[in-house]
Protein backbone atom coordinates (compact mmCIF):
# COMPACT_ATOMS: atom_id res chain seq x y z
CA MET A 1 -20.81 15.94 10.59
CA SER A 2 -17.13 17.21 11.37
CA SER A 3 -16.19 17.86 14.99
CA LYS A 4 -13.51 20.34 13.93
CA SER A 5 -14.47 23.66 11.65
CA ILE A 6 -13.17 26.68 10.77
CA LEU A 7 -13.40 29.92 9.81
CA LEU A 8 -11.88 30.72 6.61
CA ILE A 9 -11.38 34.54 5.59
CA ILE A 10 -10.64 34.99 1.84
CA GLY A 11 -8.69 38.27 1.30
CA GLY A 12 -8.24 39.36 -2.04
CA GLY A 13 -4.79 38.27 -4.82
CA ILE A 14 -4.92 36.03 -7.17
CA ALA A 15 -3.78 33.52 -4.84
CA ALA A 16 -8.02 33.37 -3.72
CA TYR A 17 -8.54 30.53 -6.23
CA LYS A 18 -6.53 28.12 -4.31
CA SER A 19 -8.40 29.11 -1.31
CA LEU A 20 -11.14 27.33 -3.18
CA GLU A 21 -8.84 23.93 -3.34
CA LEU A 22 -7.52 24.60 1.12
CA ILE A 23 -11.59 24.36 1.46
CA ARG A 24 -11.76 20.92 -0.47
CA GLU A 25 -8.84 19.56 1.04
CA LEU A 26 -9.89 19.88 4.62
CA ALA A 27 -13.47 18.61 3.57
CA ARG A 28 -10.90 15.51 3.46
CA ARG A 29 -9.62 15.60 6.21
CA GLY A 30 -13.18 16.38 8.01
CA ILE A 31 -12.59 19.95 8.71
CA ALA A 32 -15.16 21.88 8.05
CA SER A 33 -15.31 25.81 6.66
CA ARG A 34 -16.97 28.62 6.70
CA CYS A 35 -16.58 31.44 4.78
CA ILE A 36 -16.07 34.98 4.80
CA VAL A 37 -14.65 36.54 1.05
CA THR A 38 -14.23 40.12 1.03
CA LYS A 39 -14.65 42.52 -1.37
CA ALA A 40 -11.62 42.65 -3.30
CA GLY A 41 -11.42 38.83 -2.73
CA THR A 42 -14.54 38.70 -4.87
CA GLU A 43 -12.56 40.31 -7.65
CA PHE A 44 -10.95 36.53 -7.89
CA VAL A 45 -13.63 33.66 -6.94
CA THR A 46 -17.16 34.04 -6.35
CA PRO A 47 -19.58 33.54 -3.12
CA LEU A 48 -20.75 30.89 -4.99
CA SER A 49 -18.82 28.79 -5.34
CA VAL A 50 -17.12 28.90 -2.15
CA SER A 51 -20.56 28.13 -0.94
CA ALA A 52 -20.79 25.01 -3.11
CA LEU A 53 -17.70 23.60 -1.93
CA SER A 54 -18.15 24.98 2.07
CA GLY A 55 -21.75 23.54 2.06
CA GLU A 56 -21.75 26.13 4.21
CA LYS A 57 -22.91 29.91 3.36
CA CYS A 58 -20.63 32.80 1.98
CA PHE A 59 -20.69 36.09 4.20
CA THR A 60 -19.77 38.99 2.78
CA ASP A 61 -21.22 41.82 3.80
CA LEU A 62 -21.23 43.74 7.36
CA PHE A 63 -24.01 45.41 7.08
CA SER A 64 -26.15 42.46 5.56
CA LEU A 65 -29.53 43.28 7.32
CA ASP A 66 -30.65 39.09 7.97
CA ASP A 67 -27.23 38.65 8.87
CA GLU A 68 -25.95 41.24 11.85
CA ALA A 69 -29.71 41.24 13.00
CA GLU A 70 -28.33 38.69 15.18
CA MET A 71 -24.90 40.23 15.62
CA GLY A 72 -23.83 37.86 12.00
CA HIS A 73 -19.44 39.63 12.98
CA ILE A 74 -19.26 38.08 16.98
CA GLN A 75 -20.98 34.79 16.34
CA LEU A 76 -18.80 34.59 12.67
CA SER A 77 -15.42 34.85 14.81
CA ARG A 78 -16.61 32.46 17.83
CA SER A 79 -18.57 29.65 16.10
CA THR A 80 -15.64 27.92 15.12
CA ASP A 81 -12.33 26.34 16.00
CA LEU A 82 -9.52 28.66 14.81
CA VAL A 83 -9.77 31.55 11.94
CA VAL A 84 -7.75 30.90 9.03
CA VAL A 85 -7.64 33.63 6.48
CA CYS A 86 -6.59 33.14 3.04
CA PRO A 87 -4.23 34.40 1.20
CA ALA A 88 -4.10 37.76 4.05
CA THR A 89 -2.61 40.15 2.01
CA ALA A 90 -0.55 42.98 2.87
CA ASP A 91 -3.86 45.08 3.85
CA LEU A 92 -4.80 42.21 5.88
CA LEU A 93 -2.34 42.52 7.87
CA ALA A 94 -1.96 46.16 8.45
CA LYS A 95 -5.77 46.01 9.67
CA ALA A 96 -5.12 43.51 11.84
CA ALA A 97 -2.21 44.48 13.16
CA ASN A 98 -3.74 48.17 13.86
CA GLY A 99 -6.74 47.52 14.84
CA HIS A 100 -8.72 48.20 11.67
CA ALA A 101 -12.63 47.18 11.69
CA ASN A 102 -14.25 48.62 8.81
CA ASP A 103 -15.40 45.60 6.94
CA LEU A 104 -17.03 42.25 7.98
CA ALA A 105 -13.26 40.51 7.73
CA SER A 106 -11.48 43.11 9.97
CA THR A 107 -14.41 43.56 12.67
CA THR A 108 -14.64 39.91 12.86
CA LEU A 109 -10.83 39.72 13.55
CA MET A 110 -11.10 42.03 15.96
CA ALA A 111 -14.25 40.13 17.50
CA THR A 112 -13.12 37.61 17.79
CA ASP A 113 -11.55 35.00 20.97
CA LYS A 114 -10.29 32.04 18.61
CA PRO A 115 -6.91 31.80 17.83
CA VAL A 116 -5.76 33.04 14.01
CA LEU A 117 -3.48 31.23 11.46
CA MET A 118 -2.84 33.92 8.58
CA VAL A 119 -1.75 32.40 5.26
CA PRO A 120 0.69 35.79 3.34
CA ALA A 121 0.41 35.98 -0.15
CA MET A 122 1.86 39.40 -1.73
CA ASN A 123 4.49 40.62 -4.49
CA VAL A 124 7.58 40.10 -3.01
CA ARG A 125 8.13 44.17 -2.42
CA MET A 126 5.16 44.11 -0.46
CA TRP A 127 6.15 41.19 1.90
CA GLU A 128 9.87 42.78 2.44
CA HIS A 129 8.56 46.06 2.76
CA ALA A 130 8.92 47.83 6.19
CA ALA A 131 5.16 48.41 6.85
CA THR A 132 4.52 44.60 6.57
CA ARG A 133 7.28 43.02 8.41
CA ARG A 134 6.27 46.01 11.09
CA ASN A 135 2.68 44.16 11.50
CA VAL A 136 3.80 40.04 10.75
CA ALA A 137 5.87 41.27 13.94
CA THR A 138 3.29 42.91 16.00
CA LEU A 139 0.57 40.18 14.99
CA ARG A 140 3.25 37.61 15.95
CA THR A 141 3.34 39.25 19.58
CA ASP A 142 0.11 40.03 19.82
CA GLY A 143 0.05 36.00 19.34
CA VAL A 144 -1.02 35.48 15.69
CA HIS A 145 0.82 32.39 14.08
CA VAL A 146 1.57 33.68 10.61
CA MET A 147 2.98 31.59 7.81
CA GLU A 148 5.90 32.20 6.08
CA PRO A 149 5.13 32.46 2.40
CA ASP A 150 7.27 30.21 -0.58
CA GLU A 151 9.68 31.61 -2.68
CA GLY A 152 8.95 31.15 -6.52
CA ALA A 153 7.86 32.76 -9.47
CA MET A 154 5.42 34.97 -8.99
CA ALA A 155 2.16 35.99 -11.22
CA CYS A 156 3.06 40.07 -12.10
CA GLY A 157 7.29 38.85 -12.76
CA GLU A 158 9.18 39.20 -10.15
CA PHE A 159 10.54 36.26 -8.23
CA GLY A 160 11.42 35.78 -4.25
CA PRO A 161 9.01 35.32 -1.86
CA GLY A 162 5.39 36.05 -1.13
CA ARG A 163 4.25 33.38 -3.11
CA LEU A 164 1.65 31.47 -1.22
CA PRO A 165 2.50 28.06 0.35
CA GLU A 166 1.24 25.03 -0.57
CA VAL A 167 -2.74 23.32 -0.37
CA LEU A 168 -0.82 20.89 1.19
CA ALA A 169 1.36 22.35 3.93
CA ILE A 170 -1.31 24.87 5.22
CA ALA A 171 -4.08 22.33 5.34
CA ASP A 172 -1.24 20.60 7.25
CA GLU A 173 -0.88 23.76 9.56
CA ILE A 174 -4.46 23.70 10.26
CA GLU A 175 -4.78 20.44 11.13
CA SER A 176 -2.02 21.04 13.58
CA ARG A 177 -3.35 24.10 15.22
CA LEU A 178 -6.68 22.25 15.35
CA ASP A 179 -5.09 19.31 16.74
CA ALA A 180 -3.40 21.24 19.73
CA LEU A 181 -6.68 22.42 21.07
CA SER A 182 -8.64 19.46 21.13
CA GLY A 183 -6.91 17.82 24.20
CA PRO A 184 -6.45 14.17 24.89
CA LYS A 185 -6.88 11.93 21.60
CA PRO A 186 -8.37 7.94 21.09
CA LEU A 187 -4.86 6.59 20.23
CA ASP A 188 -2.05 8.32 22.87
CA GLY A 189 0.10 6.06 23.96
CA GLN A 190 -0.04 3.14 21.17
CA HIS A 191 2.11 3.14 18.34
CA VAL A 192 1.25 1.48 15.06
CA LEU A 193 3.71 0.24 12.67
CA VAL A 194 2.81 0.89 9.38
CA THR A 195 3.87 -0.42 5.44
CA ALA A 196 2.99 1.51 2.37
CA GLY A 197 3.83 1.41 -1.26
CA PRO A 198 5.49 -0.85 -3.69
CA THR A 199 8.78 -3.19 -3.00
CA ARG A 200 11.40 -3.36 -5.88
CA GLU A 201 13.27 -6.06 -6.33
CA PRO A 202 16.78 -5.64 -8.73
CA LEU A 203 17.12 -7.43 -11.52
CA ASP A 204 20.26 -5.66 -13.08
CA PRO A 205 21.56 -2.16 -12.02
CA VAL A 206 18.93 -0.82 -14.28
CA ARG A 207 15.74 -2.71 -13.76
CA TYR A 208 13.38 -4.31 -11.46
CA LEU A 209 9.99 -5.92 -10.60
CA SER A 210 7.72 -3.83 -8.82
CA ASN A 211 4.42 -3.90 -8.69
CA HIS A 212 1.73 -0.58 -9.52
CA SER A 213 1.11 0.92 -5.48
CA SER A 214 1.08 4.19 -4.88
CA GLY A 215 1.39 4.26 -1.49
CA LYS A 216 -1.60 6.18 -1.47
CA GLN A 217 -3.45 4.05 1.00
CA GLY A 218 -1.10 3.51 3.56
CA TYR A 219 0.29 6.95 4.05
CA ALA A 220 -3.77 8.03 4.17
CA ILE A 221 -3.85 6.12 7.01
CA ALA A 222 -0.49 6.82 8.75
CA GLY A 223 -1.68 10.29 8.51
CA ALA A 224 -5.30 9.33 9.86
CA LEU A 225 -3.84 7.02 12.90
CA ALA A 226 -0.89 10.23 14.46
CA ALA A 227 -3.73 12.65 13.74
CA LEU A 228 -5.62 10.58 16.41
CA GLY A 229 -2.22 11.07 18.55
CA ALA A 230 -0.60 7.76 17.45
CA ARG A 231 2.82 7.19 17.61
CA VAL A 232 2.95 5.74 13.76
CA THR A 233 6.47 4.81 12.12
CA LEU A 234 6.00 4.70 8.68
CA VAL A 235 7.99 1.97 6.14
CA SER A 236 7.45 2.93 3.03
CA GLY A 237 8.71 1.32 -0.83
CA PRO A 238 9.55 3.80 -3.26
CA VAL A 239 6.74 6.35 -4.17
CA ALA A 240 6.38 10.06 -5.20
CA ILE A 241 4.28 11.47 -2.49
CA ALA A 242 5.09 13.18 -0.01
CA PRO A 243 5.05 11.98 3.59
CA PRO A 244 2.20 12.47 6.19
CA ARG A 245 2.10 14.92 8.51
CA GLY A 246 3.70 13.44 12.25
CA VAL A 247 5.09 10.24 10.96
CA ASP A 248 8.26 8.99 11.67
CA MET A 249 9.62 7.44 8.26
CA VAL A 250 12.01 4.20 7.18
CA ASN A 251 12.35 4.47 3.16
CA VAL A 252 13.60 0.67 2.45
CA GLU A 253 13.67 -0.13 -1.11
CA THR A 254 13.27 -4.44 -1.22
CA ALA A 255 10.80 -6.34 0.64
CA ARG A 256 14.09 -8.36 2.97
CA ASP A 257 14.57 -4.40 4.07
CA MET A 258 11.22 -4.07 4.73
CA LEU A 259 11.50 -6.95 7.21
CA LYS A 260 14.58 -6.12 8.70
CA ALA A 261 13.17 -2.12 9.05
CA CYS A 262 9.54 -3.65 11.21
CA GLU A 263 11.58 -5.92 13.11
CA SER A 264 13.32 -2.77 14.06
CA ALA A 265 10.58 -1.05 14.67
CA LEU A 266 8.52 -3.48 16.92
CA PRO A 267 7.64 -3.36 20.08
CA ALA A 268 4.20 -1.79 18.58
CA ASP A 269 0.44 -2.51 19.55
CA VAL A 270 -0.79 -2.11 16.22
CA PHE A 271 0.55 -3.41 13.06
CA ILE A 272 -1.23 -2.41 10.09
CA SER A 273 0.84 -4.05 6.28
CA VAL A 274 -0.71 -2.72 3.57
CA ALA A 275 2.50 -2.71 1.11
CA ALA A 276 2.57 -4.14 -1.69
CA VAL A 277 4.83 -6.12 -1.59
CA ALA A 278 6.49 -8.35 -4.06
CA ASP A 279 6.23 -11.90 -3.63
CA TRP A 280 9.45 -13.02 -5.80
CA ARG A 281 12.46 -11.61 -6.32
CA PRO A 282 15.22 -12.37 -8.58
CA ALA A 283 17.84 -15.10 -7.59
CA ILE A 284 20.25 -13.70 -8.87
CA SER A 285 20.59 -9.97 -9.23
CA ALA A 286 23.07 -9.00 -11.93
CA SER A 287 26.28 -6.63 -10.99
CA LYS A 288 25.80 -5.50 -14.59
CA LYS A 289 22.86 -4.71 -17.15
CA LEU A 290 22.08 -7.79 -18.34
CA LYS A 291 22.52 -8.26 -22.68
CA LEU A 292 21.21 -9.98 -25.51
CA LYS A 293 23.64 -12.36 -26.98
CA ASP A 294 25.59 -12.38 -29.32
CA ASP A 295 22.79 -13.82 -32.00
CA GLY A 296 20.34 -11.03 -30.63
CA GLN A 297 17.54 -13.26 -30.22
CA THR A 298 18.31 -15.81 -27.02
CA LEU A 299 16.70 -14.41 -23.98
CA PRO A 300 18.40 -14.33 -20.92
CA THR A 301 16.52 -17.18 -18.05
CA LEU A 302 15.01 -15.48 -14.87
CA SER A 303 15.11 -17.31 -12.24
CA LEU A 304 12.38 -16.28 -9.08
CA SER A 305 13.05 -16.57 -5.21
CA GLU A 306 10.14 -16.71 -2.59
CA ASN A 307 9.90 -13.59 -0.89
CA PRO A 308 10.00 -13.31 2.65
CA ASP A 309 6.27 -13.12 4.11
CA ILE A 310 6.16 -9.99 6.30
CA LEU A 311 2.28 -10.03 7.73
CA ALA A 312 2.19 -13.44 9.13
CA THR A 313 6.15 -13.46 10.24
CA LEU A 314 5.31 -10.47 12.04
CA SER A 315 1.48 -12.08 13.23
CA LYS A 316 3.33 -15.34 14.68
CA LYS A 317 5.91 -13.88 16.39
CA ARG A 318 5.77 -15.28 19.85
CA LYS A 319 6.97 -12.33 22.33
CA SER A 320 6.67 -8.97 20.06
CA ARG A 321 3.56 -9.69 18.06
CA PRO A 322 1.48 -6.54 18.14
CA GLY A 323 -1.90 -6.59 20.29
CA LEU A 324 -3.65 -5.79 17.00
CA VAL A 325 -2.39 -6.94 13.72
CA ILE A 326 -4.59 -6.04 10.01
CA GLY A 327 -3.43 -7.43 7.05
CA PHE A 328 -4.31 -6.41 3.02
CA ALA A 329 -5.64 -8.22 0.62
CA ALA A 330 -6.09 -7.20 -2.87
CA GLU A 331 -7.51 -9.14 -5.04
CA THR A 332 -9.33 -8.66 -8.96
CA HIS A 333 -11.50 -11.21 -7.72
CA ASP A 334 -12.94 -13.14 -5.58
CA VAL A 335 -12.38 -10.48 -3.24
CA GLU A 336 -14.26 -11.82 0.12
CA ALA A 337 -13.29 -15.17 -0.34
CA PHE A 338 -9.59 -14.87 -0.36
CA ALA A 339 -9.28 -12.23 2.22
CA THR A 340 -11.17 -14.49 4.95
CA ALA A 341 -8.56 -17.73 3.51
CA LYS A 342 -5.66 -14.97 3.87
CA MET A 343 -6.31 -13.62 7.09
CA LYS A 344 -6.92 -17.50 8.47
CA ARG A 345 -3.40 -18.57 6.68
CA LYS A 346 -1.77 -15.66 7.30
CA GLY A 347 -2.61 -15.40 11.31
CA CYS A 348 -3.37 -11.95 11.69
CA ASP A 349 -6.95 -10.54 13.32
CA TRP A 350 -8.60 -8.03 10.67
CA ILE A 351 -7.62 -8.33 6.55
CA ILE A 352 -8.76 -4.64 4.64
CA ALA A 353 -9.96 -6.68 1.38
CA ASN A 354 -9.93 -4.49 -1.74
CA ASP A 355 -10.83 -4.62 -5.46
CA VAL A 356 -7.97 -3.77 -7.66
CA SER A 357 -9.33 -4.69 -10.70
CA GLY A 358 -9.62 -1.58 -11.75
CA ASP A 359 -8.04 2.23 -11.21
CA VAL A 360 -7.50 1.51 -7.53
CA MET A 361 -3.94 1.54 -7.79
CA GLY A 362 -2.89 4.89 -8.20
CA GLY A 363 -6.44 6.41 -8.12
CA ALA A 364 -7.97 8.46 -5.40
CA GLU A 365 -10.72 6.27 -4.21
CA ASN A 366 -11.34 2.42 -2.95
CA GLU A 367 -13.96 0.59 -1.83
CA VAL A 368 -13.19 -2.08 0.77
CA ALA A 369 -14.28 -4.71 2.94
CA LEU A 370 -13.08 -4.74 6.23
CA VAL A 371 -12.95 -9.24 7.57
CA THR A 372 -12.85 -9.79 11.37
CA LEU A 373 -13.56 -13.19 13.06
CA ASP A 374 -17.26 -11.35 13.69
CA GLY A 375 -17.76 -11.12 9.84
CA ILE A 376 -17.07 -8.96 7.12
CA GLU A 377 -18.34 -5.30 6.67
CA ARG A 378 -18.64 -3.59 3.60
CA TRP A 379 -17.82 0.00 2.95
CA PRO A 380 -18.97 1.74 0.40
CA ARG A 381 -16.62 3.79 -2.47
CA MET A 382 -15.10 6.80 -0.85
CA ASP A 383 -12.26 8.33 -1.31
CA LYS A 384 -8.81 6.81 0.64
CA GLN A 385 -8.78 9.60 2.55
CA ALA A 386 -11.69 8.52 4.37
CA VAL A 387 -10.97 4.69 4.03
CA ALA A 388 -8.20 5.44 6.06
CA ARG A 389 -10.71 8.04 9.28
CA ARG A 390 -12.34 5.32 9.12
CA LEU A 391 -10.46 2.82 9.95
CA ALA A 392 -8.12 4.42 12.02
CA GLU A 393 -11.23 5.28 14.33
CA ARG A 394 -12.11 1.95 14.17
CA ILE A 395 -8.95 1.14 15.56
CA ALA A 396 -9.12 3.37 18.20
CA THR A 397 -12.81 1.40 18.89
CA ALA A 398 -11.68 -1.98 18.93
CA LEU A 399 -7.67 -0.51 21.46
CA SER A 400 -10.54 0.54 23.78
CA SER A 401 -13.06 -2.37 24.31
CA PRO A 402 -10.14 -5.11 22.72
CA LYS A 403 -12.34 -7.95 23.83
CA ASP A 404 -15.19 -6.59 21.69
CA ASP A 405 -12.84 -6.32 18.54
CA GLN A 406 -11.86 -10.01 18.99
CA ILE A 407 -8.02 -8.78 19.12
CA ALA A 408 -5.93 -11.49 19.40
CA ALA A 409 -3.99 -12.09 22.86
CA GLU A 410 -1.07 -13.87 23.51
């Protein structure tokens, strides 16, 4: 069960449907949600759908005989780490700013002793109205954190500020608020270097050699390590996903660029080589687009050169070797055997073996095995965020008791 939880108050507005996606995203991050849906909110989302996604009873009625027999609104207001109002309608902002308490949501907000985060969503004219601006200013003075809404097209056809922020941005804000409340973290003071994504090796100005890596697993690992307090440097090849919150990004293209960036980021306590680095590059990168010969039949000859081995290079450094070096073995067959051999050949401490013969590259899930000097730990199939959290926790445990986890020492 999650050690972090929020009380999510879902207001009545067209953006309420995004609260369901938010509950799901928070669950992926290990954050549990208890939920209140206002009467207006039930016009947009059903308590049953909220309950099904959160795994908890959904509360709606201030005057429920069962819930209020034990002062339910008081218990709800203090049972989690953070109270989040999403979407926060103009009505909910006004009630909270002026101390109104005439339904379960507003009464809970009045009774809470927990930090409150409000995520507004409303028509642009409502957001810019003087009364709303006063209410937001009052809430912020009272210590409530009110996110700025996004700007864009509204469901009503108007354009401007008032849109609900993107779900990932809201989840990041919630995670950041919870992190600030949690005190010391297991990876405080540790520097972790992570590589992610593919590399691109130019053949000519318009073509390159690369692979199908999406970067999702490496980015998830970087984010999970940052959430545990680590200072994370993420060296990434070209990907189409947003950087994790709280990491130092270094963007590169080629394998040689990636090695140079990794060496520049040292010293590090941990190095995790997740990137799918191209083993070869064109021996010559043409300055102009390669063309067919005049007869239209003769194909150009492609000569390849071997790229530097980033994992082996950092594993075998004498003076600046990270204390724990972890590689990834993406294989299509004999996965564990190849991974074990790779660990010995590269000189690293752990290898994460994963079978990429299906939809792992670019997919949402992964099934891996952790190979160490002690043996092989086979993890069940899970989403990549869960794999990342489990690995981050395993690293934190290893750093707190290195002898037990066979971390190489120089």
